Amino acid sequence: WLRQAAGKERESVAAITWSSGTTSYKDSVKGRFTIS
C-alpha cells in the first residue's frame, strides 16, 4: 500500500509477501496499521 497526500510525494506504507505473509511497515504507522 502506498499513499499520497495533497501537495506531497507518494510514499510506501506497508507491504506483504503473498506466499509467506511476511510484513513490513513505514515507521509512522507501525502498531496502528496492519496489512493482510
PDB file of all heavy atoms in Angstrom:
ATOM      1  N   TRP A   1       0.848  -1.181   0.000  1.00  0.00           N
ATOM      2  CA  TRP A   1       0.000   0.000   0.000  1.00  0.00           C
ATOM      3  C   TRP A   1       0.885   1.233   0.000  1.00  0.00           C
ATOM      4  O   TRP A   1       1.885   1.293   0.721  1.00  0.00           O
ATOM      5  CB  TRP A   1      -0.912   0.035   1.222  1.00  0.00           C
ATOM      6  CG  TRP A   1      -2.034  -0.952   1.168  1.00  0.00           C
ATOM      7  CD1 TRP A   1      -2.059  -2.206   1.684  1.00  0.00           C
ATOM      8  CD2 TRP A   1      -3.307  -0.749   0.556  1.00  0.00           C
ATOM      9  NE1 TRP A   1      -3.268  -2.806   1.436  1.00  0.00           N
ATOM     10  CE2 TRP A   1      -4.056  -1.924   0.739  1.00  0.00           C
ATOM     11  CE3 TRP A   1      -3.895   0.317  -0.134  1.00  0.00           C
ATOM     12  CZ2 TRP A   1      -5.364  -2.063   0.260  1.00  0.00           C
ATOM     13  CZ3 TRP A   1      -5.181   0.174  -0.615  1.00  0.00           C
ATOM     14  CH2 TRP A   1      -5.893  -1.011  -0.406  1.00  0.00           C
ATOM     15  N   LEU A   2       0.497   2.205  -0.794  1.00  0.00           N
ATOM     16  CA  LEU A   2       1.168   3.488  -0.861  1.00  0.00           C
ATOM     17  C   LEU A   2       0.130   4.583  -0.678  1.00  0.00           C
ATOM     18  O   LEU A   2      -1.059   4.341  -0.853  1.00  0.00           O
ATOM     19  CB  LEU A   2       1.899   3.666  -2.191  1.00  0.00           C
ATOM     20  CG  LEU A   2       2.930   2.589  -2.554  1.00  0.00           C
ATOM     21  CD1 LEU A   2       2.288   1.497  -3.400  1.00  0.00           C
ATOM     22  CD2 LEU A   2       4.110   3.192  -3.294  1.00  0.00           C
ATOM     23  N   ARG A   3       0.583   5.769  -0.336  1.00  0.00           N
ATOM     24  CA  ARG A   3      -0.345   6.877  -0.180  1.00  0.00           C
ATOM     25  C   ARG A   3       0.290   8.167  -0.662  1.00  0.00           C
ATOM     26  O   ARG A   3       1.509   8.325  -0.657  1.00  0.00           O
ATOM     27  CB  ARG A   3      -0.792   7.014   1.281  1.00  0.00           C
ATOM     28  CG  ARG A   3       0.307   7.450   2.235  1.00  0.00           C
ATOM     29  CD  ARG A   3      -0.189   7.408   3.677  1.00  0.00           C
ATOM     30  NE  ARG A   3       0.818   7.888   4.607  1.00  0.00           N
ATOM     31  CZ  ARG A   3       0.698   7.832   5.931  1.00  0.00           C
ATOM     32  NH1 ARG A   3      -0.394   7.313   6.482  1.00  0.00           N
ATOM     33  NH2 ARG A   3       1.681   8.296   6.700  1.00  0.00           N
ATOM     34  N   GLN A   4      -0.572   9.078  -1.069  1.00  0.00           N
ATOM     35  CA  GLN A   4      -0.114  10.385  -1.496  1.00  0.00           C
ATOM     36  C   GLN A   4      -1.064  11.436  -0.954  1.00  0.00           C
ATOM     37  O   GLN A   4      -2.242  11.467  -1.316  1.00  0.00           O
ATOM     38  CB  GLN A   4      -0.034  10.477  -3.019  1.00  0.00           C
ATOM     39  CG  GLN A   4       0.570  11.785  -3.500  1.00  0.00           C
ATOM     40  CD  GLN A   4       0.887  11.772  -4.978  1.00  0.00           C
ATOM     41  OE1 GLN A   4       0.265  11.049  -5.749  1.00  0.00           O
ATOM     42  NE2 GLN A   4       1.862  12.562  -5.373  1.00  0.00           N
ATOM     43  N   ALA A   5      -0.539  12.277  -0.083  1.00  0.00           N
ATOM     44  CA  ALA A   5      -1.301  13.388   0.451  1.00  0.00           C
ATOM     45  C   ALA A   5      -1.235  14.562  -0.520  1.00  0.00           C
ATOM     46  O   ALA A   5      -0.300  14.684  -1.309  1.00  0.00           O
ATOM     47  CB  ALA A   5      -0.760  13.796   1.815  1.00  0.00           C
ATOM     48  N   ALA A   6      -2.227  15.429  -0.434  1.00  0.00           N
ATOM     49  CA  ALA A   6      -2.274  16.590  -1.317  1.00  0.00           C
ATOM     50  C   ALA A   6      -1.007  17.420  -1.178  1.00  0.00           C
ATOM     51  O   ALA A   6      -0.604  17.772  -0.069  1.00  0.00           O
ATOM     52  CB  ALA A   6      -3.498  17.434  -0.992  1.00  0.00           C
ATOM     53  N   GLY A   7      -0.373  17.701  -2.294  1.00  0.00           N
ATOM     54  CA  GLY A   7       0.821  18.521  -2.293  1.00  0.00           C
ATOM     55  C   GLY A   7       2.087  17.823  -1.857  1.00  0.00           C
ATOM     56  O   GLY A   7       3.131  18.474  -1.732  1.00  0.00           O
ATOM     57  N   LYS A   8       2.047  16.512  -1.626  1.00  0.00           N
ATOM     58  CA  LYS A   8       3.211  15.778  -1.159  1.00  0.00           C
ATOM     59  C   LYS A   8       3.556  14.629  -2.098  1.00  0.00           C
ATOM     60  O   LYS A   8       2.746  14.227  -2.939  1.00  0.00           O
ATOM     61  CB  LYS A   8       2.982  15.239   0.251  1.00  0.00           C
ATOM     62  CG  LYS A   8       2.825  16.311   1.313  1.00  0.00           C
ATOM     63  CD  LYS A   8       2.771  15.710   2.699  1.00  0.00           C
ATOM     64  CE  LYS A   8       2.694  16.785   3.768  1.00  0.00           C
ATOM     65  NZ  LYS A   8       2.656  16.196   5.127  1.00  0.00           N
ATOM     66  N   GLU A   9       4.760  14.102  -1.936  1.00  0.00           N
ATOM     67  CA  GLU A   9       5.197  12.959  -2.716  1.00  0.00           C
ATOM     68  C   GLU A   9       4.519  11.684  -2.231  1.00  0.00           C
ATOM     69  O   GLU A   9       4.170  11.552  -1.057  1.00  0.00           O
ATOM     70  CB  GLU A   9       6.711  12.801  -2.615  1.00  0.00           C
ATOM     71  CG  GLU A   9       7.506  13.922  -3.253  1.00  0.00           C
ATOM     72  CD  GLU A   9       7.387  13.911  -4.751  1.00  0.00           C
ATOM     73  OE1 GLU A   9       7.603  12.852  -5.360  1.00  0.00           O
ATOM     74  OE2 GLU A   9       7.069  14.975  -5.315  1.00  0.00           O
ATOM     75  N   ARG A  10       4.360  10.741  -3.139  1.00  0.00           N
ATOM     76  CA  ARG A  10       3.810   9.446  -2.771  1.00  0.00           C
ATOM     77  C   ARG A  10       4.835   8.677  -1.928  1.00  0.00           C
ATOM     78  O   ARG A  10       6.036   8.743  -2.184  1.00  0.00           O
ATOM     79  CB  ARG A  10       3.457   8.647  -4.021  1.00  0.00           C
ATOM     80  CG  ARG A  10       2.703   7.368  -3.727  1.00  0.00           C
ATOM     81  CD  ARG A  10       2.169   6.729  -4.987  1.00  0.00           C
ATOM     82  NE  ARG A  10       3.239   6.263  -5.853  1.00  0.00           N
ATOM     83  CZ  ARG A  10       3.038   5.663  -7.023  1.00  0.00           C
ATOM     84  NH1 ARG A  10       1.796   5.476  -7.466  1.00  0.00           N
ATOM     85  NH2 ARG A  10       4.074   5.272  -7.749  1.00  0.00           N
ATOM     86  N   GLU A  11       4.345   7.952  -0.918  1.00  0.00           N
ATOM     87  CA  GLU A  11       5.209   7.178  -0.055  1.00  0.00           C
ATOM     88  C   GLU A  11       4.629   5.790   0.174  1.00  0.00           C
ATOM     89  O   GLU A  11       3.415   5.600   0.163  1.00  0.00           O
ATOM     90  CB  GLU A  11       5.410   7.879   1.295  1.00  0.00           C
ATOM     91  CG  GLU A  11       4.128   8.060   2.089  1.00  0.00           C
ATOM     92  CD  GLU A  11       4.347   8.777   3.407  1.00  0.00           C
ATOM     93  OE1 GLU A  11       5.500   9.109   3.733  1.00  0.00           O
ATOM     94  OE2 GLU A  11       3.344   9.010   4.124  1.00  0.00           O
ATOM     95  N   SER A  12       5.495   4.827   0.396  1.00  0.00           N
ATOM     96  CA  SER A  12       5.056   3.479   0.710  1.00  0.00           C
ATOM     97  C   SER A  12       4.662   3.396   2.177  1.00  0.00           C
ATOM     98  O   SER A  12       5.257   4.051   3.035  1.00  0.00           O
ATOM     99  CB  SER A  12       6.144   2.462   0.383  1.00  0.00           C
ATOM    100  OG  SER A  12       7.336   2.752   1.082  1.00  0.00           O
ATOM    101  N   VAL A  13       3.664   2.587   2.470  1.00  0.00           N
ATOM    102  CA  VAL A  13       3.112   2.473   3.811  1.00  0.00           C
ATOM    103  C   VAL A  13       3.337   1.086   4.405  1.00  0.00           C
ATOM    104  O   VAL A  13       3.759   0.953   5.557  1.00  0.00           O
ATOM    105  CB  VAL A  13       1.606   2.797   3.800  1.00  0.00           C
ATOM    106  CG1 VAL A  13       0.994   2.586   5.180  1.00  0.00           C
ATOM    107  CG2 VAL A  13       1.381   4.227   3.329  1.00  0.00           C
ATOM    108  N   ALA A  14       3.045   0.052   3.634  1.00  0.00           N
ATOM    109  CA  ALA A  14       3.134  -1.312   4.135  1.00  0.00           C
ATOM    110  C   ALA A  14       3.283  -2.269   2.973  1.00  0.00           C
ATOM    111  O   ALA A  14       2.923  -1.948   1.839  1.00  0.00           O
ATOM    112  CB  ALA A  14       1.890  -1.671   4.963  1.00  0.00           C
ATOM    113  N   ALA A  15       3.803  -3.458   3.256  1.00  0.00           N
ATOM    114  CA  ALA A  15       3.962  -4.480   2.234  1.00  0.00           C
ATOM    115  C   ALA A  15       3.807  -5.858   2.851  1.00  0.00           C
ATOM    116  O   ALA A  15       4.053  -6.045   4.049  1.00  0.00           O
ATOM    117  CB  ALA A  15       5.323  -4.358   1.552  1.00  0.00           C
ATOM    118  N   ILE A  16       3.414  -6.822   2.024  1.00  0.00           N
ATOM    119  CA  ILE A  16       3.245  -8.196   2.483  1.00  0.00           C
ATOM    120  C   ILE A  16       3.646  -9.161   1.384  1.00  0.00           C
ATOM    121  O   ILE A  16       3.283  -8.975   0.223  1.00  0.00           O
ATOM    122  CB  ILE A  16       1.784  -8.449   2.952  1.00  0.00           C
ATOM    123  CG1 ILE A  16       1.639  -9.856   3.530  1.00  0.00           C
ATOM    124  CG2 ILE A  16       0.793  -8.215   1.812  1.00  0.00           C
ATOM    125  CD1 ILE A  16       0.333 -10.064   4.274  1.00  0.00           C
ATOM    126  N   THR A  17       4.418 -10.173   1.759  1.00  0.00           N
ATOM    127  CA  THR A  17       4.753 -11.239   0.828  1.00  0.00           C
ATOM    128  C   THR A  17       3.540 -12.140   0.669  1.00  0.00           C
ATOM    129  O   THR A  17       3.002 -12.644   1.658  1.00  0.00           O
ATOM    130  CB  THR A  17       5.946 -12.048   1.339  1.00  0.00           C
ATOM    131  OG1 THR A  17       7.068 -11.183   1.528  1.00  0.00           O
ATOM    132  CG2 THR A  17       6.325 -13.141   0.355  1.00  0.00           C
ATOM    133  N   TRP A  18       3.102 -12.324  -0.583  1.00  0.00           N
ATOM    134  CA  TRP A  18       1.860 -13.044  -0.820  1.00  0.00           C
ATOM    135  C   TRP A  18       1.892 -14.460  -0.270  1.00  0.00           C
ATOM    136  O   TRP A  18       0.934 -14.908   0.357  1.00  0.00           O
ATOM    137  CB  TRP A  18       1.555 -13.068  -2.315  1.00  0.00           C
ATOM    138  CG  TRP A  18       0.216 -13.638  -2.616  1.00  0.00           C
ATOM    139  CD1 TRP A  18      -0.070 -14.896  -3.047  1.00  0.00           C
ATOM    140  CD2 TRP A  18      -1.041 -12.963  -2.487  1.00  0.00           C
ATOM    141  NE1 TRP A  18      -1.417 -15.053  -3.201  1.00  0.00           N
ATOM    142  CE2 TRP A  18      -2.051 -13.877  -2.864  1.00  0.00           C
ATOM    143  CE3 TRP A  18      -1.412 -11.675  -2.100  1.00  0.00           C
ATOM    144  CZ2 TRP A  18      -3.398 -13.547  -2.854  1.00  0.00           C
ATOM    145  CZ3 TRP A  18      -2.758 -11.352  -2.091  1.00  0.00           C
ATOM    146  CH2 TRP A  18      -3.727 -12.282  -2.466  1.00  0.00           C
ATOM    147  N   SER A  19       2.976 -15.162  -0.486  1.00  0.00           N
ATOM    148  CA  SER A  19       3.041 -16.562  -0.104  1.00  0.00           C
ATOM    149  C   SER A  19       3.224 -16.761   1.395  1.00  0.00           C
ATOM    150  O   SER A  19       2.510 -17.563   2.008  1.00  0.00           O
ATOM    151  CB  SER A  19       4.167 -17.260  -0.863  1.00  0.00           C
ATOM    152  OG  SER A  19       5.413 -16.646  -0.609  1.00  0.00           O
ATOM    153  N   SER A  20       4.155 -16.043   2.005  1.00  0.00           N
ATOM    154  CA  SER A  20       4.514 -16.279   3.397  1.00  0.00           C
ATOM    155  C   SER A  20       3.758 -15.408   4.388  1.00  0.00           C
ATOM    156  O   SER A  20       3.647 -15.761   5.563  1.00  0.00           O
ATOM    157  CB  SER A  20       6.011 -16.066   3.593  1.00  0.00           C
ATOM    158  OG  SER A  20       6.341 -14.694   3.467  1.00  0.00           O
ATOM    159  N   GLY A  21       3.268 -14.256   3.959  1.00  0.00           N
ATOM    160  CA  GLY A  21       2.618 -13.329   4.862  1.00  0.00           C
ATOM    161  C   GLY A  21       3.559 -12.416   5.616  1.00  0.00           C
ATOM    162  O   GLY A  21       3.112 -11.662   6.491  1.00  0.00           O
ATOM    163  N   THR A  22       4.838 -12.446   5.313  1.00  0.00           N
ATOM    164  CA  THR A  22       5.797 -11.546   5.948  1.00  0.00           C
ATOM    165  C   THR A  22       5.444 -10.099   5.640  1.00  0.00           C
ATOM    166  O   THR A  22       5.159  -9.759   4.492  1.00  0.00           O
ATOM    167  CB  THR A  22       7.219 -11.857   5.464  1.00  0.00           C
ATOM    168  OG1 THR A  22       7.554 -13.207   5.796  1.00  0.00           O
ATOM    169  CG2 THR A  22       8.226 -10.920   6.113  1.00  0.00           C
ATOM    170  N   THR A  23       5.470  -9.253   6.657  1.00  0.00           N
ATOM    171  CA  THR A  23       5.036  -7.865   6.503  1.00  0.00           C
ATOM    172  C   THR A  23       6.150  -6.883   6.815  1.00  0.00           C
ATOM    173  O   THR A  23       7.108  -7.192   7.522  1.00  0.00           O
ATOM    174  CB  THR A  23       3.843  -7.558   7.413  1.00  0.00           C
ATOM    175  OG1 THR A  23       4.217  -7.784   8.783  1.00  0.00           O
ATOM    176  CG2 THR A  23       2.653  -8.446   7.067  1.00  0.00           C
ATOM    177  N   SER A  24       5.995  -5.678   6.292  1.00  0.00           N
ATOM    178  CA  SER A  24       6.866  -4.565   6.625  1.00  0.00           C
ATOM    179  C   SER A  24       6.034  -3.298   6.627  1.00  0.00           C
ATOM    180  O   SER A  24       5.018  -3.217   5.931  1.00  0.00           O
ATOM    181  CB  SER A  24       8.043  -4.451   5.651  1.00  0.00           C
ATOM    182  OG  SER A  24       7.594  -4.224   4.327  1.00  0.00           O
ATOM    183  N   TYR A  25       6.473  -2.292   7.414  1.00  0.00           N
ATOM    184  CA  TYR A  25       5.689  -1.081   7.591  1.00  0.00           C
ATOM    185  C   TYR A  25       6.581   0.145   7.659  1.00  0.00           C
ATOM    186  O   TYR A  25       7.721   0.086   8.132  1.00  0.00           O
ATOM    187  CB  TYR A  25       4.882  -1.123   8.884  1.00  0.00           C
ATOM    188  CG  TYR A  25       3.862  -2.226   8.950  1.00  0.00           C
ATOM    189  CD1 TYR A  25       4.182  -3.458   9.513  1.00  0.00           C
ATOM    190  CD2 TYR A  25       2.578  -2.040   8.451  1.00  0.00           C
ATOM    191  CE1 TYR A  25       3.243  -4.475   9.571  1.00  0.00           C
ATOM    192  CE2 TYR A  25       1.639  -3.055   8.512  1.00  0.00           C
ATOM    193  CZ  TYR A  25       1.977  -4.266   9.075  1.00  0.00           C
ATOM    194  OH  TYR A  25       1.038  -5.274   9.129  1.00  0.00           O
ATOM    195  N   LYS A  26       6.029   1.238   7.215  1.00  0.00           N
ATOM    196  CA  LYS A  26       6.630   2.533   7.472  1.00  0.00           C
ATOM    197  C   LYS A  26       6.577   2.778   8.979  1.00  0.00           C
ATOM    198  O   LYS A  26       5.581   2.456   9.633  1.00  0.00           O
ATOM    199  CB  LYS A  26       5.852   3.609   6.719  1.00  0.00           C
ATOM    200  CG  LYS A  26       6.316   5.025   6.938  1.00  0.00           C
ATOM    201  CD  LYS A  26       5.449   5.989   6.142  1.00  0.00           C
ATOM    202  CE  LYS A  26       5.813   7.430   6.445  1.00  0.00           C
ATOM    203  NZ  LYS A  26       7.186   7.752   5.990  1.00  0.00           N
ATOM    204  N   ASP A  27       7.622   3.368   9.536  1.00  0.00           N
ATOM    205  CA  ASP A  27       7.711   3.538  10.981  1.00  0.00           C
ATOM    206  C   ASP A  27       6.512   4.280  11.564  1.00  0.00           C
ATOM    207  O   ASP A  27       6.035   3.936  12.652  1.00  0.00           O
ATOM    208  CB  ASP A  27       8.996   4.275  11.352  1.00  0.00           C
ATOM    209  CG  ASP A  27      10.231   3.407  11.242  1.00  0.00           C
ATOM    210  OD1 ASP A  27      10.100   2.174  11.178  1.00  0.00           O
ATOM    211  OD2 ASP A  27      11.335   3.972  11.237  1.00  0.00           O
ATOM    212  N   SER A  28       6.018   5.276  10.874  1.00  0.00           N
ATOM    213  CA  SER A  28       4.958   6.107  11.418  1.00  0.00           C
ATOM    214  C   SER A  28       3.616   5.390  11.548  1.00  0.00           C
ATOM    215  O   SER A  28       2.724   5.890  12.234  1.00  0.00           O
ATOM    216  CB  SER A  28       4.783   7.368  10.569  1.00  0.00           C
ATOM    217  OG  SER A  28       4.354   7.049   9.260  1.00  0.00           O
ATOM    218  N   VAL A  29       3.464   4.227  10.921  1.00  0.00           N
ATOM    219  CA  VAL A  29       2.200   3.501  11.009  1.00  0.00           C
ATOM    220  C   VAL A  29       2.320   2.198  11.787  1.00  0.00           C
ATOM    221  O   VAL A  29       1.310   1.516  11.999  1.00  0.00           O
ATOM    222  CB  VAL A  29       1.602   3.209   9.616  1.00  0.00           C
ATOM    223  CG1 VAL A  29       1.511   4.494   8.799  1.00  0.00           C
ATOM    224  CG2 VAL A  29       2.408   2.149   8.878  1.00  0.00           C
ATOM    225  N   LYS A  30       3.506   1.848  12.236  1.00  0.00           N
ATOM    226  CA  LYS A  30       3.699   0.615  12.996  1.00  0.00           C
ATOM    227  C   LYS A  30       2.857   0.641  14.264  1.00  0.00           C
ATOM    228  O   LYS A  30       2.821   1.632  14.985  1.00  0.00           O
ATOM    229  CB  LYS A  30       5.169   0.421  13.353  1.00  0.00           C
ATOM    230  CG  LYS A  30       6.047   0.022  12.185  1.00  0.00           C
ATOM    231  CD  LYS A  30       7.494  -0.174  12.624  1.00  0.00           C
ATOM    232  CE  LYS A  30       8.363  -0.600  11.456  1.00  0.00           C
ATOM    233  NZ  LYS A  30       9.790  -0.738  11.860  1.00  0.00           N
ATOM    234  N   GLY A  31       2.171  -0.464  14.519  1.00  0.00           N
ATOM    235  CA  GLY A  31       1.308  -0.556  15.674  1.00  0.00           C
ATOM    236  C   GLY A  31      -0.082  -0.030  15.445  1.00  0.00           C
ATOM    237  O   GLY A  31      -0.976  -0.269  16.271  1.00  0.00           O
ATOM    238  N   ARG A  32      -0.292   0.691  14.347  1.00  0.00           N
ATOM    239  CA  ARG A  32      -1.611   1.233  14.026  1.00  0.00           C
ATOM    240  C   ARG A  32      -2.222   0.576  12.792  1.00  0.00           C
ATOM    241  O   ARG A  32      -3.430   0.363  12.742  1.00  0.00           O
ATOM    242  CB  ARG A  32      -1.533   2.744  13.794  1.00  0.00           C
ATOM    243  CG  ARG A  32      -1.037   3.522  15.005  1.00  0.00           C
ATOM    244  CD  ARG A  32      -1.217   5.022  14.804  1.00  0.00           C
ATOM    245  NE  ARG A  32      -0.442   5.524  13.665  1.00  0.00           N
ATOM    246  CZ  ARG A  32      -0.966   6.136  12.604  1.00  0.00           C
ATOM    247  NH1 ARG A  32      -2.281   6.327  12.527  1.00  0.00           N
ATOM    248  NH2 ARG A  32      -0.180   6.573  11.629  1.00  0.00           N
ATOM    249  N   PHE A  33      -1.388   0.291  11.804  1.00  0.00           N
ATOM    250  CA  PHE A  33      -1.862  -0.298  10.547  1.00  0.00           C
ATOM    251  C   PHE A  33      -1.452  -1.757  10.479  1.00  0.00           C
ATOM    252  O   PHE A  33      -0.370  -2.136  10.946  1.00  0.00           O
ATOM    253  CB  PHE A  33      -1.263   0.422   9.347  1.00  0.00           C
ATOM    254  CG  PHE A  33      -1.760   1.823   9.124  1.00  0.00           C
ATOM    255  CD1 PHE A  33      -2.524   2.492  10.065  1.00  0.00           C
ATOM    256  CD2 PHE A  33      -1.444   2.481   7.942  1.00  0.00           C
ATOM    257  CE1 PHE A  33      -2.967   3.788   9.851  1.00  0.00           C
ATOM    258  CE2 PHE A  33      -1.881   3.773   7.708  1.00  0.00           C
ATOM    259  CZ  PHE A  33      -2.643   4.424   8.665  1.00  0.00           C
ATOM    260  N   THR A  34      -2.298  -2.567   9.866  1.00  0.00           N
ATOM    261  CA  THR A  34      -1.990  -3.972   9.642  1.00  0.00           C
ATOM    262  C   THR A  34      -2.330  -4.337   8.205  1.00  0.00           C
ATOM    263  O   THR A  34      -3.467  -4.149   7.767  1.00  0.00           O
ATOM    264  CB  THR A  34      -2.773  -4.881  10.596  1.00  0.00           C
ATOM    265  OG1 THR A  34      -2.485  -4.531  11.951  1.00  0.00           O
ATOM    266  CG2 THR A  34      -2.386  -6.345  10.366  1.00  0.00           C
ATOM    267  N   ILE A  35      -1.356  -4.863   7.485  1.00  0.00           N
ATOM    268  CA  ILE A  35      -1.596  -5.335   6.132  1.00  0.00           C
ATOM    269  C   ILE A  35      -1.816  -6.844   6.178  1.00  0.00           C
ATOM    270  O   ILE A  35      -1.159  -7.558   6.937  1.00  0.00           O
ATOM    271  CB  ILE A  35      -0.434  -4.966   5.190  1.00  0.00           C
ATOM    272  CG1 ILE A  35      -0.781  -5.317   3.734  1.00  0.00           C
ATOM    273  CG2 ILE A  35       0.865  -5.622   5.617  1.00  0.00           C
ATOM    274  CD1 ILE A  35       0.215  -4.767   2.718  1.00  0.00           C
ATOM    275  N   SER A  36      -2.751  -7.328   5.385  1.00  0.00           N
ATOM    276  CA  SER A  36      -3.045  -8.750   5.332  1.00  0.00           C
ATOM    277  C   SER A  36      -3.539  -9.110   3.948  1.00  0.00           C
ATOM    278  O   SER A  36      -3.774  -8.228   3.116  1.00  0.00           O
ATOM    279  CB  SER A  36      -4.079  -9.142   6.393  1.00  0.00           C
ATOM    280  OG  SER A  36      -5.310  -8.472   6.172  1.00  0.00           O
TER     281      SER A  36
END
